[in-house]
């Protein structure tokens, strides 16, 4: 057999090393993305199907809403900040909450969780502040900070908040979180709660936090920099959302 020229051997070695590096990278990526889930309503090019319902979430940071203008957009539902911690109430909550219903939007209220505060008292503060009515979207627990609280304590405490609200309304509340925070800090499984996933950078696929699998997301906050008619454009930081289904399906996640 003829001996291969040196330059051919070099090329073969480079190709072999490249193949090994590629294989290792893909394996590592697949392991990291254990909770990868394709979005049911994403088109083949990664764009989102128009069949999903559009929504947004608002607080006093968005400024004074022009409800007539907002009603002319394709927004179907709104998440409205209600409370935070033990005593805080968003300054615009009462007006936003009442007016959203008057204009025919499906509305939901959320509580921004403060880990250092008593979870049951936080839940009671939320329930006292928000007058839930038939047709309102289920309450939301916004959990995105740990403030140095241990993972075990944080996990146990949000369970107390969840169960306090569940005991009151007879349904599991929605959890708002993102993949990285949840996987780093929450050690218990709360996948019985509907998931509102925050993920602003995606190529048409979503990554599920541990506990949720497949296509378990119900709401998806896909942007934090949206601009909508009716919400002051100078802010240019409206949180934009999708619902993973039809209007009929959305009503399954409302107070009955």
Foldseek 3Di string as FASTA:
>chain_A
DDDDDPVVVVVVVVVVVVVVVVVVVVVVVCVVQVFWAFAPQADPQLHGHPQWQKAFEDACLLPFFQLVQQLPDRHAAYEYEAEEAQADGGPCRVVCVVVCVVSRHQYEYEYEYDQVGQLLNSLVNRPVGDDADFRHFFYEYEYEDNPPPALVSSQVRVVNSQVSSCVVQVAGGEYEYEQVRCQVRHDDAPLSHAYEYEDQDDRRIGGDHPNDHHNRHFKYFHAQQDDGTRGDCVSRGITMMTGSHHPVVSSVRTRD
